[in-house]
C-alpha atoms as a PDB file:
ATOM      1  CA  MET A   1       4.703 -14.808  11.971  1.00  0.00           C
ATOM      2  CA  THR A   2       4.204 -16.419   8.566  1.00  0.00           C
ATOM      3  CA  VAL A   3       5.228 -14.969   5.226  1.00  0.00           C
ATOM      4  CA  GLY A   4       1.571 -14.369   4.403  1.00  0.00           C
ATOM      5  CA  SER A   5       0.916 -12.414   7.581  1.00  0.00           C
ATOM      6  CA  LYS A   6       4.086 -10.337   7.102  1.00  0.00           C
ATOM      7  CA  VAL A   7       3.064  -9.429   3.552  1.00  0.00           C
ATOM      8  CA  LYS A   8      -0.449  -8.550   4.719  1.00  0.00           C
ATOM      9  CA  GLN A   9       0.930  -6.391   7.538  1.00  0.00           C
ATOM     10  CA  THR A  10       3.164  -4.618   5.044  1.00  0.00           C
ATOM     11  CA  LEU A  11       0.147  -3.971   2.818  1.00  0.00           C
ATOM     12  CA  ILE A  12      -1.810  -2.514   5.744  1.00  0.00           C
ATOM     13  CA  THR A  13       1.108  -0.235   6.635  1.00  0.00           C
ATOM     14  CA  LEU A  14       1.485   0.937   3.034  1.00  0.00           C
ATOM     15  CA  LYS A  15      -2.249   1.638   2.747  1.00  0.00           C
ATOM     16  CA  GLY A  16      -1.948   3.850   5.834  1.00  0.00           C
ATOM     17  CA  ALA A  17       0.982   5.694   4.277  1.00  0.00           C
ATOM     18  CA  LYS A  18      -0.976   6.048   1.031  1.00  0.00           C
ATOM     19  CA  SER A  19      -3.902   7.609   2.873  1.00  0.00           C
ATOM     20  CA  THR A  20      -1.598  10.031   4.659  1.00  0.00           C
ATOM     21  CA  LEU A  21       0.089  11.056   1.408  1.00  0.00           C
ATOM     22  CA  ARG A  22      -3.280  11.657  -0.239  1.00  0.00           C
ATOM     23  CA  LEU A  23      -4.404  13.790   2.686  1.00  0.00           C
ATOM     24  CA  TYR A  24      -1.187  15.813   2.580  1.00  0.00           C
ATOM     25  CA  SER A  25      -1.497  16.328  -1.179  1.00  0.00           C
ATOM     26  CA  LEU A  26      -5.021  17.705  -0.734  1.00  0.00           C
ATOM     27  CA  GLN A  27      -4.177  19.958   2.226  1.00  0.00           C
ATOM     28  CA  GLU A  28      -0.875  21.362   0.999  1.00  0.00           C
ATOM     29  CA  GLN A  29      -1.053  24.967  -0.184  1.00  0.00           C
ATOM     30  CA  ASP A  30       2.259  24.934  -2.049  1.00  0.00           C
ATOM     31  CA  LYS A  31       1.670  23.507  -5.544  1.00  0.00           C
ATOM     32  CA  LYS A  32       5.136  21.944  -5.800  1.00  0.00           C
ATOM     33  CA  ALA A  33       4.845  20.214  -2.442  1.00  0.00           C
ATOM     34  CA  SER A  34       1.333  19.048  -3.297  1.00  0.00           C
ATOM     35  CA  ALA A  35       2.635  17.580  -6.565  1.00  0.00           C
ATOM     36  CA  VAL A  36       5.389  15.728  -4.680  1.00  0.00           C
ATOM     37  CA  TYR A  37       2.859  14.246  -2.258  1.00  0.00           C
ATOM     38  CA  LYS A  38       0.619  13.266  -5.150  1.00  0.00           C
ATOM     39  CA  GLU A  39       3.507  11.622  -6.996  1.00  0.00           C
ATOM     40  CA  ALA A  40       4.459   9.681  -3.864  1.00  0.00           C
ATOM     41  CA  PHE A  41       0.815   8.676  -3.380  1.00  0.00           C
ATOM     42  CA  GLU A  42       0.673   7.333  -6.939  1.00  0.00           C
ATOM     43  CA  ALA A  43       3.915   5.381  -6.476  1.00  0.00           C
ATOM     44  CA  VAL A  44       2.672   3.789  -3.256  1.00  0.00           C
ATOM     45  CA  ASP A  45      -0.664   3.067  -4.976  1.00  0.00           C
ATOM     46  CA  VAL A  46       1.130   1.029  -7.650  1.00  0.00           C
ATOM     47  CA  ILE A  47       3.057  -0.854  -4.976  1.00  0.00           C
ATOM     48  CA  THR A  48      -0.066  -1.609  -2.925  1.00  0.00           C
ATOM     49  CA  ASN A  49      -1.873  -2.873  -6.018  1.00  0.00           C
ATOM     50  CA  ASP A  50       1.051  -5.169  -6.854  1.00  0.00           C
ATOM     51  CA  LEU A  51       1.288  -6.361  -3.266  1.00  0.00           C
ATOM     52  CA  ASP A  52      -2.445  -7.064  -3.179  1.00  0.00           C
ATOM     53  CA  LYS A  53      -2.062  -9.228  -6.293  1.00  0.00           C
ATOM     54  CA  ARG A  54       0.873 -10.998  -4.639  1.00  0.00           C
ATOM     55  CA  ILE A  55      -1.249 -11.753  -1.564  1.00  0.00           C
ATOM     56  CA  LYS A  56      -3.987 -13.217  -3.741  1.00  0.00           C
ATOM     57  CA  PHE A  57      -1.383 -15.374  -5.479  1.00  0.00           C
ATOM     58  CA  LEU A  58       0.055 -16.495  -2.136  1.00  0.00           C
ATOM     59  CA  GLU A  59      -3.397 -17.414  -0.868  1.00  0.00           C
ATOM     60  CA  TYR A  60      -4.148 -19.330  -4.054  1.00  0.00           C
ATOM     61  CA  GLU A  61      -0.843 -21.196  -4.101  1.00  0.00           C
ATOM     62  CA  GLU A  62      -0.564 -21.663  -0.340  1.00  0.00           C
ATOM     63  CA  PRO A  63      -4.030 -21.993   1.230  1.00  0.00           C
ATOM     64  CA  GLN A  64      -2.523 -21.937   4.723  1.00  0.00           C
ATOM     65  CA  TYR A  65      -1.838 -18.204   4.246  1.00  0.00           C
ATOM     66  CA  LYS A  66      -5.511 -17.449   3.703  1.00  0.00           C
ATOM     67  CA  GLY A  67      -7.088 -15.571   6.574  1.00  0.00           C
ATOM     68  CA  ASP A  68      -3.816 -14.713   8.361  1.00  0.00           C
END
């Protein structure tokens, strides 16, 4: 498994976690718990955005990673 494919797999996993956190934040009845889920969602969102930029950079710098 190449570096590019590992980073992409990590991004896919984090996007799944982000979706789950968003769902939990919307379904939670307790305001404090909902706020915690929302905060975690926002943190993972920042990470996924940064990782997405990193993938684009990897693909630009190392064309062999494109399409992995």
